Every structure is written in C-alpha cells, then in structure tokens.
PDB file of N, CA and C in Angstrom:
ATOM      1  N   UNK A   1     -27.580 176.420-138.321  1.00  0.00           N
ATOM      2  CA  UNK A   1     -26.923 177.242-137.494  1.00  0.00           C
ATOM      3  C   UNK A   1     -28.114 178.191-136.824  1.00  0.00           C
ATOM      4  N   UNK A   2     -28.014 178.275-135.539  1.00  0.00           N
ATOM      5  CA  UNK A   2     -28.983 179.118-134.820  1.00  0.00           C
ATOM      6  C   UNK A   2     -28.429 180.628-134.658  1.00  0.00           C
ATOM      7  N   UNK A   3     -29.411 181.507-134.321  1.00  0.00           N
ATOM      8  CA  UNK A   3     -29.072 182.855-134.136  1.00  0.00           C
ATOM      9  C   UNK A   3     -27.896 182.954-133.106  1.00  0.00           C
ATOM     10  N   UNK A   4     -27.922 182.197-132.080  1.00  0.00           N
ATOM     11  CA  UNK A   4     -26.864 182.253-130.981  1.00  0.00           C
ATOM     12  C   UNK A   4     -25.580 181.863-131.560  1.00  0.00           C
ATOM     13  N   UNK A   5     -25.478 180.768-132.377  1.00  0.00           N
ATOM     14  CA  UNK A   5     -24.279 180.445-133.049  1.00  0.00           C
ATOM     15  C   UNK A   5     -23.796 181.399-133.905  1.00  0.00           C
ATOM     16  N   UNK A   6     -24.596 182.117-134.702  1.00  0.00           N
ATOM     17  CA  UNK A   6     -24.144 183.191-135.571  1.00  0.00           C
ATOM     18  C   UNK A   6     -23.675 184.387-134.746  1.00  0.00           C
ATOM     19  N   UNK A   7     -24.328 184.811-133.676  1.00  0.00           N
ATOM     20  CA  UNK A   7     -23.835 185.838-132.859  1.00  0.00           C
ATOM     21  C   UNK A   7     -22.401 185.447-132.290  1.00  0.00           C
ATOM     22  N   UNK A   8     -22.352 184.205-131.831  1.00  0.00           N
ATOM     23  CA  UNK A   8     -21.124 183.712-131.283  1.00  0.00           C
ATOM     24  C   UNK A   8     -19.880 183.926-132.289  1.00  0.00           C
ATOM     25  N   UNK A   9     -20.211 183.485-133.517  1.00  0.00           N
ATOM     26  CA  UNK A   9     -19.140 183.692-134.575  1.00  0.00           C
ATOM     27  C   UNK A   9     -18.766 185.062-134.777  1.00  0.00           C
ATOM     28  N   UNK A  10     -19.786 185.934-134.928  1.00  0.00           N
ATOM     29  CA  UNK A  10     -19.552 187.371-135.120  1.00  0.00           C
ATOM     30  C   UNK A  10     -18.777 187.923-134.004  1.00  0.00           C
ATOM     31  N   UNK A  11     -19.125 187.614-132.760  1.00  0.00           N
ATOM     32  CA  UNK A  11     -18.447 188.115-131.498  1.00  0.00           C
ATOM     33  C   UNK A  11     -16.939 187.629-131.517  1.00  0.00           C
ATOM     34  N   UNK A  12     -16.720 186.421-131.746  1.00  0.00           N
ATOM     35  CA  UNK A  12     -15.372 185.879-131.717  1.00  0.00           C
ATOM     36  C   UNK A  12     -14.435 186.547-132.802  1.00  0.00           C
ATOM     37  N   UNK A  13     -15.117 186.722-133.960  1.00  0.00           N
ATOM     38  CA  UNK A  13     -14.373 187.337-135.060  1.00  0.00           C
ATOM     39  C   UNK A  13     -14.039 188.746-134.791  1.00  0.00           C
ATOM     40  N   UNK A  14     -15.042 189.556-134.253  1.00  0.00           N
ATOM     41  CA  UNK A  14     -14.723 190.888-133.852  1.00  0.00           C
ATOM     42  C   UNK A  14     -13.619 191.080-132.750  1.00  0.00           C
ATOM     43  N   UNK A  15     -13.713 190.176-131.857  1.00  0.00           N
ATOM     44  CA  UNK A  15     -12.731 190.162-130.746  1.00  0.00           C
ATOM     45  C   UNK A  15     -11.230 189.874-131.246  1.00  0.00           C
ATOM     46  N   UNK A  16     -11.190 188.815-132.159  1.00  0.00           N
ATOM     47  CA  UNK A  16      -9.986 188.375-132.709  1.00  0.00           C
ATOM     48  C   UNK A  16      -9.369 189.554-133.446  1.00  0.00           C
ATOM     49  N   UNK A  17     -10.153 190.243-134.315  1.00  0.00           N
ATOM     50  CA  UNK A  17      -9.877 191.337-135.122  1.00  0.00           C
ATOM     51  C   UNK A  17      -9.389 192.358-134.206  1.00  0.00           C
ATOM     52  N   UNK A  18      -9.921 192.747-133.111  1.00  0.00           N
ATOM     53  CA  UNK A  18      -9.376 193.720-132.208  1.00  0.00           C
ATOM     54  C   UNK A  18      -8.077 193.343-131.506  1.00  0.00           C
ATOM     55  N   UNK A  19      -7.836 191.942-131.609  1.00  0.00           N
ATOM     56  CA  UNK A  19      -6.454 191.531-130.933  1.00  0.00           C
ATOM     57  C   UNK A  19      -6.533 191.474-129.491  1.00  0.00           C
ATOM     58  N   UNK A  20      -7.698 191.215-128.863  1.00  0.00           N
ATOM     59  CA  UNK A  20      -7.782 191.195-127.441  1.00  0.00           C
ATOM     60  C   UNK A  20      -8.243 189.818-126.895  1.00  0.00           C
ATOM     61  N   UNK A  21      -7.950 189.524-125.699  1.00  0.00           N
ATOM     62  CA  UNK A  21      -8.369 188.221-125.117  1.00  0.00           C
ATOM     63  C   UNK A  21      -9.853 188.357-124.567  1.00  0.00           C
ATOM     64  N   UNK A  22     -10.421 187.229-124.241  1.00  0.00           N
ATOM     65  CA  UNK A  22     -11.777 187.201-123.670  1.00  0.00           C
ATOM     66  C   UNK A  22     -11.670 188.028-122.292  1.00  0.00           C
ATOM     67  N   UNK A  23     -10.646 187.834-121.558  1.00  0.00           N
ATOM     68  CA  UNK A  23     -10.474 188.549-120.365  1.00  0.00           C
ATOM     69  C   UNK A  23     -10.428 190.093-120.488  1.00  0.00           C
ATOM     70  N   UNK A  24      -9.689 190.581-121.512  1.00  0.00           N
ATOM     71  CA  UNK A  24      -9.618 192.019-121.814  1.00  0.00           C
ATOM     72  C   UNK A  24     -10.994 192.560-122.146  1.00  0.00           C
ATOM     73  N   UNK A  25     -11.663 191.727-123.009  1.00  0.00           N
ATOM     74  CA  UNK A  25     -12.917 192.168-123.508  1.00  0.00           C
ATOM     75  C   UNK A  25     -13.905 192.344-122.296  1.00  0.00           C
ATOM     76  N   UNK A  26     -13.849 191.385-121.434  1.00  0.00           N
ATOM     77  CA  UNK A  26     -14.693 191.289-120.313  1.00  0.00           C
ATOM     78  C   UNK A  26     -14.429 192.520-119.407  1.00  0.00           C
ATOM     79  N   UNK A  27     -13.178 192.834-119.260  1.00  0.00           N
ATOM     80  CA  UNK A  27     -12.746 194.030-118.367  1.00  0.00           C
ATOM     81  C   UNK A  27     -13.289 195.361-119.165  1.00  0.00           C
ATOM     82  N   UNK A  28     -13.227 195.415-120.394  1.00  0.00           N
ATOM     83  CA  UNK A  28     -13.562 196.666-121.077  1.00  0.00           C
ATOM     84  C   UNK A  28     -15.130 196.853-120.996  1.00  0.00           C
ATOM     85  N   UNK A  29     -15.938 195.723-121.003  1.00  0.00           N
ATOM     86  CA  UNK A  29     -17.317 196.001-121.014  1.00  0.00           C
ATOM     87  C   UNK A  29     -18.041 195.507-119.675  1.00  0.00           C
ATOM     88  N   UNK A  30     -17.247 195.323-118.594  1.00  0.00           N
ATOM     89  CA  UNK A  30     -17.653 195.027-117.245  1.00  0.00           C
ATOM     90  C   UNK A  30     -18.476 193.729-117.250  1.00  0.00           C
ATOM     91  N   UNK A  31     -17.896 192.655-117.964  1.00  0.00           N
ATOM     92  CA  UNK A  31     -18.492 191.343-117.864  1.00  0.00           C
ATOM     93  C   UNK A  31     -17.442 190.415-117.455  1.00  0.00           C
ATOM     94  N   UNK A  32     -17.820 189.321-116.877  1.00  0.00           N
ATOM     95  CA  UNK A  32     -16.806 188.314-116.452  1.00  0.00           C
ATOM     96  C   UNK A  32     -16.335 187.578-117.762  1.00  0.00           C
ATOM     97  N   UNK A  33     -15.022 187.041-117.650  1.00  0.00           N
ATOM     98  CA  UNK A  33     -14.611 186.383-118.847  1.00  0.00           C
ATOM     99  C   UNK A  33     -15.360 185.132-119.136  1.00  0.00           C
ATOM    100  N   UNK A  34     -15.844 184.470-118.160  1.00  0.00           N
ATOM    101  CA  UNK A  34     -16.743 183.291-118.432  1.00  0.00           C
ATOM    102  C   UNK A  34     -17.946 183.634-119.081  1.00  0.00           C
ATOM    103  N   UNK A  35     -18.385 184.821-119.023  1.00  0.00           N
ATOM    104  CA  UNK A  35     -19.682 185.279-119.768  1.00  0.00           C
ATOM    105  C   UNK A  35     -19.299 185.456-121.248  1.00  0.00           C
ATOM    106  N   UNK A  36     -18.155 186.038-121.482  1.00  0.00           N
ATOM    107  CA  UNK A  36     -17.568 186.248-122.842  1.00  0.00           C
ATOM    108  C   UNK A  36     -17.472 184.835-123.445  1.00  0.00           C
ATOM    109  N   UNK A  37     -16.888 183.837-122.746  1.00  0.00           N
ATOM    110  CA  UNK A  37     -16.696 182.578-123.223  1.00  0.00           C
ATOM    111  C   UNK A  37     -18.091 181.887-123.536  1.00  0.00           C
ATOM    112  N   UNK A  38     -18.975 182.064-122.728  1.00  0.00           N
ATOM    113  CA  UNK A  38     -20.387 181.499-122.945  1.00  0.00           C
ATOM    114  C   UNK A  38     -21.059 181.994-124.162  1.00  0.00           C
ATOM    115  N   UNK A  39     -20.857 183.389-124.437  1.00  0.00           N
ATOM    116  CA  UNK A  39     -21.458 184.134-125.628  1.00  0.00           C
ATOM    117  C   UNK A  39     -20.758 183.554-126.779  1.00  0.00           C
ATOM    118  N   UNK A  40     -19.410 183.369-126.675  1.00  0.00           N
ATOM    119  CA  UNK A  40     -18.590 182.937-128.026  1.00  0.00           C
ATOM    120  C   UNK A  40     -18.850 181.427-128.308  1.00  0.00           C
ATOM    121  N   UNK A  41     -19.388 180.618-127.343  1.00  0.00           N
ATOM    122  CA  UNK A  41     -19.706 179.305-127.482  1.00  0.00           C
ATOM    123  C   UNK A  41     -21.116 179.063-127.808  1.00  0.00           C
ATOM    124  N   UNK A  42     -21.896 180.090-127.796  1.00  0.00           N
ATOM    125  CA  UNK A  42     -23.301 180.030-128.076  1.00  0.00           C
ATOM    126  C   UNK A  42     -24.131 179.438-126.970  1.00  0.00           C
ATOM    127  N   UNK A  43     -23.504 179.440-125.760  1.00  0.00           N
ATOM    128  CA  UNK A  43     -24.078 178.953-124.487  1.00  0.00           C
ATOM    129  C   UNK A  43     -25.034 179.846-123.904  1.00  0.00           C
ATOM    130  N   UNK A  44     -25.110 181.069-124.363  1.00  0.00           N
ATOM    131  CA  UNK A  44     -26.060 182.006-123.751  1.00  0.00           C
ATOM    132  C   UNK A  44     -26.355 183.012-124.833  1.00  0.00           C
ATOM    133  N   UNK A  45     -27.666 183.441-124.694  1.00  0.00           N
ATOM    134  CA  UNK A  45     -28.200 184.498-125.566  1.00  0.00           C
ATOM    135  C   UNK A  45     -28.099 185.829-124.921  1.00  0.00           C
ATOM    136  N   UNK A  46     -27.431 186.765-125.571  1.00  0.00           N
ATOM    137  CA  UNK A  46     -27.220 188.027-124.954  1.00  0.00           C
ATOM    138  C   UNK A  46     -28.427 188.959-124.840  1.00  0.00           C
ATOM    139  N   UNK A  47     -28.412 189.705-123.907  1.00  0.00           N
ATOM    140  CA  UNK A  47     -29.431 190.759-123.766  1.00  0.00           C
ATOM    141  C   UNK A  47     -28.953 192.082-124.557  1.00  0.00           C
ATOM    142  N   UNK A  48     -29.926 192.904-124.713  1.00  0.00           N
ATOM    143  CA  UNK A  48     -29.633 194.064-125.598  1.00  0.00           C
ATOM    144  C   UNK A  48     -28.535 194.951-125.041  1.00  0.00           C
ATOM    145  N   UNK A  49     -28.609 195.120-123.609  1.00  0.00           N
ATOM    146  CA  UNK A  49     -27.405 195.941-122.929  1.00  0.00           C
ATOM    147  C   UNK A  49     -26.155 195.212-123.099  1.00  0.00           C
ATOM    148  N   UNK A  50     -26.146 193.915-123.115  1.00  0.00           N
ATOM    149  CA  UNK A  50     -24.885 193.236-123.308  1.00  0.00           C
ATOM    150  C   UNK A  50     -24.348 193.432-124.852  1.00  0.00           C
ATOM    151  N   UNK A  51     -25.197 193.392-125.675  1.00  0.00           N
ATOM    152  CA  UNK A  51     -24.725 193.581-127.094  1.00  0.00           C
ATOM    153  C   UNK A  51     -24.257 194.976-127.313  1.00  0.00           C
ATOM    154  N   UNK A  52     -24.830 196.010-126.679  1.00  0.00           N
ATOM    155  CA  UNK A  52     -24.365 197.280-126.761  1.00  0.00           C
ATOM    156  C   UNK A  52     -23.017 197.527-126.081  1.00  0.00           C
ATOM    157  N   UNK A  53     -22.818 196.834-124.930  1.00  0.00           N
ATOM    158  CA  UNK A  53     -21.441 196.936-124.232  1.00  0.00           C
ATOM    159  C   UNK A  53     -20.410 196.315-125.058  1.00  0.00           C
ATOM    160  N   UNK A  54     -20.680 195.037-125.627  1.00  0.00           N
ATOM    161  CA  UNK A  54     -19.694 194.452-126.516  1.00  0.00           C
ATOM    162  C   UNK A  54     -19.371 195.293-127.708  1.00  0.00           C
ATOM    163  N   UNK A  55     -20.378 195.743-128.423  1.00  0.00           N
ATOM    164  CA  UNK A  55     -20.080 196.484-129.595  1.00  0.00           C
ATOM    165  C   UNK A  55     -19.285 197.699-129.343  1.00  0.00           C
ATOM    166  N   UNK A  56     -19.668 198.567-128.211  1.00  0.00           N
ATOM    167  CA  UNK A  56     -18.824 199.690-127.779  1.00  0.00           C
ATOM    168  C   UNK A  56     -17.350 199.266-127.411  1.00  0.00           C
ATOM    169  N   UNK A  57     -17.243 198.223-126.720  1.00  0.00           N
ATOM    170  CA  UNK A  57     -15.928 197.916-126.289  1.00  0.00           C
ATOM    171  C   UNK A  57     -15.001 197.310-127.453  1.00  0.00           C
ATOM    172  N   UNK A  58     -15.674 196.858-128.486  1.00  0.00           N
ATOM    173  CA  UNK A  58     -14.972 196.346-129.661  1.00  0.00           C
ATOM    174  C   UNK A  58     -14.861 197.312-130.781  1.00  0.00           C
ATOM    175  N   UNK A  59     -15.397 198.546-130.551  1.00  0.00           N
ATOM    176  CA  UNK A  59     -15.417 199.670-131.582  1.00  0.00           C
ATOM    177  C   UNK A  59     -16.133 199.234-132.819  1.00  0.00           C
ATOM    178  N   UNK A  60     -17.236 198.451-132.651  1.00  0.00           N
ATOM    179  CA  UNK A  60     -18.030 198.020-133.803  1.00  0.00           C
ATOM    180  C   UNK A  60     -19.443 198.508-133.561  1.00  0.00           C
ATOM    181  N   UNK A  61     -20.411 197.919-134.279  1.00  0.00           N
ATOM    182  CA  UNK A  61     -21.916 198.318-134.036  1.00  0.00           C
ATOM    183  C   UNK A  61     -22.504 197.012-133.697  1.00  0.00           C
ATOM    184  N   UNK A  62     -23.706 197.220-133.034  1.00  0.00           N
ATOM    185  CA  UNK A  62     -24.629 196.140-132.649  1.00  0.00           C
ATOM    186  C   UNK A  62     -25.037 195.430-133.964  1.00  0.00           C
ATOM    187  N   UNK A  63     -25.218 196.085-134.991  1.00  0.00           N
ATOM    188  CA  UNK A  63     -25.666 195.576-136.243  1.00  0.00           C
ATOM    189  C   UNK A  63     -24.536 194.581-136.857  1.00  0.00           C
ATOM    190  N   UNK A  64     -23.369 194.870-136.684  1.00  0.00           N
ATOM    191  CA  UNK A  64     -22.351 193.989-137.117  1.00  0.00           C
ATOM    192  C   UNK A  64     -22.217 192.673-136.262  1.00  0.00           C
ATOM    193  N   UNK A  65     -22.414 192.890-135.027  1.00  0.00           N
ATOM    194  CA  UNK A  65     -22.426 191.699-134.091  1.00  0.00           C
ATOM    195  C   UNK A  65     -23.642 190.753-134.488  1.00  0.00           C
ATOM    196  N   UNK A  66     -24.702 191.419-134.998  1.00  0.00           N
ATOM    197  CA  UNK A  66     -25.929 190.632-135.262  1.00  0.00           C
ATOM    198  C   UNK A  66     -26.016 190.390-136.806  1.00  0.00           C
ATOM    199  N   UNK A  67     -25.035 190.583-137.573  1.00  0.00           N
ATOM    200  CA  UNK A  67     -25.112 190.449-138.995  1.00  0.00           C
ATOM    201  C   UNK A  67     -25.387 188.955-139.429  1.00  0.00           C
ATOM    202  N   UNK A  68     -26.133 188.816-140.466  1.00  0.00           N
ATOM    203  CA  UNK A  68     -26.467 187.479-140.948  1.00  0.00           C
ATOM    204  C   UNK A  68     -27.614 186.758-140.306  1.00  0.00           C
ATOM    205  N   UNK A  69     -28.356 187.624-139.593  1.00  0.00           N
ATOM    206  CA  UNK A  69     -29.532 187.097-138.839  1.00  0.00           C
ATOM    207  C   UNK A  69     -30.744 187.949-139.148  1.00  0.00           C
ATOM    208  N   UNK A  70     -31.857 187.257-139.462  1.00  0.00           N
ATOM    209  CA  UNK A  70     -33.058 188.013-139.597  1.00  0.00           C
ATOM    210  C   UNK A  70     -34.313 187.206-139.234  1.00  0.00           C
ATOM    211  N   UNK A  71     -35.419 187.862-139.062  1.00  0.00           N
ATOM    212  CA  UNK A  71     -36.626 187.205-138.674  1.00  0.00           C
ATOM    213  C   UNK A  71     -37.533 187.218-140.017  1.00  0.00           C
ATOM    214  N   UNK A  72     -37.947 185.979-140.226  1.00  0.00           N
ATOM    215  CA  UNK A  72     -38.833 185.805-141.472  1.00  0.00           C
ATOM    216  C   UNK A  72     -40.238 185.774-141.011  1.00  0.00           C
ATOM    217  N   UNK A  73     -41.054 186.785-141.092  1.00  0.00           N
ATOM    218  CA  UNK A  73     -42.456 186.768-140.521  1.00  0.00           C
ATOM    219  C   UNK A  73     -43.311 185.726-141.245  1.00  0.00           C
ATOM    220  N   UNK A  74     -43.135 185.573-142.508  1.00  0.00           N
ATOM    221  CA  UNK A  74     -44.049 184.668-143.330  1.00  0.00           C
ATOM    222  C   UNK A  74     -43.743 183.189-142.749  1.00  0.00           C
ATOM    223  N   UNK A  75     -42.558 182.820-142.513  1.00  0.00           N
ATOM    224  CA  UNK A  75     -42.251 181.457-142.064  1.00  0.00           C
ATOM    225  C   UNK A  75     -42.259 181.288-140.516  1.00  0.00           C
ATOM    226  N   UNK A  76     -42.429 182.578-139.829  1.00  0.00           N
ATOM    227  CA  UNK A  76     -42.365 182.586-138.238  1.00  0.00           C
ATOM    228  C   UNK A  76     -41.098 181.860-137.892  1.00  0.00           C
ATOM    229  N   UNK A  77     -39.895 182.209-138.409  1.00  0.00           N
ATOM    230  CA  UNK A  77     -38.671 181.700-137.924  1.00  0.00           C
ATOM    231  C   UNK A  77     -37.534 182.636-138.287  1.00  0.00           C
ATOM    232  N   UNK A  78     -36.453 182.346-137.645  1.00  0.00           N
ATOM    233  CA  UNK A  78     -35.147 182.983-137.924  1.00  0.00           C
ATOM    234  C   UNK A  78     -34.558 182.499-139.127  1.00  0.00           C
ATOM    235  N   UNK A  79     -33.979 183.350-139.918  1.00  0.00           N
ATOM    236  CA  UNK A  79     -33.068 182.996-141.095  1.00  0.00           C
ATOM    237  C   UNK A  79     -31.675 183.372-140.620  1.00  0.00           C
ATOM    238  N   UNK A  80     -30.782 182.515-140.721  1.00  0.00           N
ATOM    239  CA  UNK A  80     -29.439 182.652-140.245  1.00  0.00           C
ATOM    240  C   UNK A  80     -28.395 182.191-141.392  1.00  0.00           C
ATOM    241  N   UNK A  81     -27.646 183.120-141.923  1.00  0.00           N
ATOM    242  CA  UNK A  81     -26.589 182.782-142.892  1.00  0.00           C
ATOM    243  C   UNK A  81     -25.302 182.331-142.167  1.00  0.00           C
ATOM    244  N   UNK A  82     -24.589 181.364-142.801  1.00  0.00           N
ATOM    245  CA  UNK A  82     -23.325 181.041-142.215  1.00  0.00           C
ATOM    246  C   UNK A  82     -22.389 182.169-142.252  1.00  0.00           C
ATOM    247  N   UNK A  83     -21.459 182.289-141.357  1.00  0.00           N
ATOM    248  CA  UNK A  83     -20.383 183.451-141.505  1.00  0.00           C
ATOM    249  C   UNK A  83     -19.537 183.286-142.648  1.00  0.00           C
ATOM    250  N   UNK A  84     -18.967 184.401-143.208  1.00  0.00           N
ATOM    251  CA  UNK A  84     -17.983 184.250-144.244  1.00  0.00           C
ATOM    252  C   UNK A  84     -16.663 183.976-143.637  1.00  0.00           C
ATOM    253  N   UNK A  85     -15.965 183.103-144.476  1.00  0.00           N
ATOM    254  CA  UNK A  85     -14.524 182.835-144.108  1.00  0.00           C
ATOM    255  C   UNK A  85     -14.509 181.924-143.020  1.00  0.00           C
TER     256      UNK A  85
END
C-alpha cells in the first residue's frame, strides 16, 4: 500500500462517517467533485493546502487524514499500515 492509497482510504472513511457525498465535500472545501474522486482513488497526491481544506470541511484533523503513514529515515522509505476495518 502506498501513502496515496492510505490517504485515500482515510479520506473516504472520514467522508462516509460525516455522511456527505463527494460533491458536498467538494462544495465545502472549494474543490471540484472530480478532485475528491481522484483523491479517494489514490489518483492524485494532495498538497498541504488541500489536506487542510479537507480536514476542516470534515471536522477532523490533518493528522487523522494522514494516520498510518510515516517516513522511515533509516530505510529511506515510507512505512504505511493498512487501514483498520
């Protein structure tokens, strides 16, 4: 699993928990629905500003959207844990 895939799973879970559509989330954070779709399918890596918009619109934290991902300096690679559930 890549960091983009983990972010996608976290974003999809947070949006579903909030009970809103991709279109509604896009409206709340001033992004097009297709951008939300790309992020949820790991088709695009989000910028910091996008992560902040998404977190605020979903009433969660950037850390929650990025949970399960870390950089391993010794191995010079990302460590990504599969999402729970």
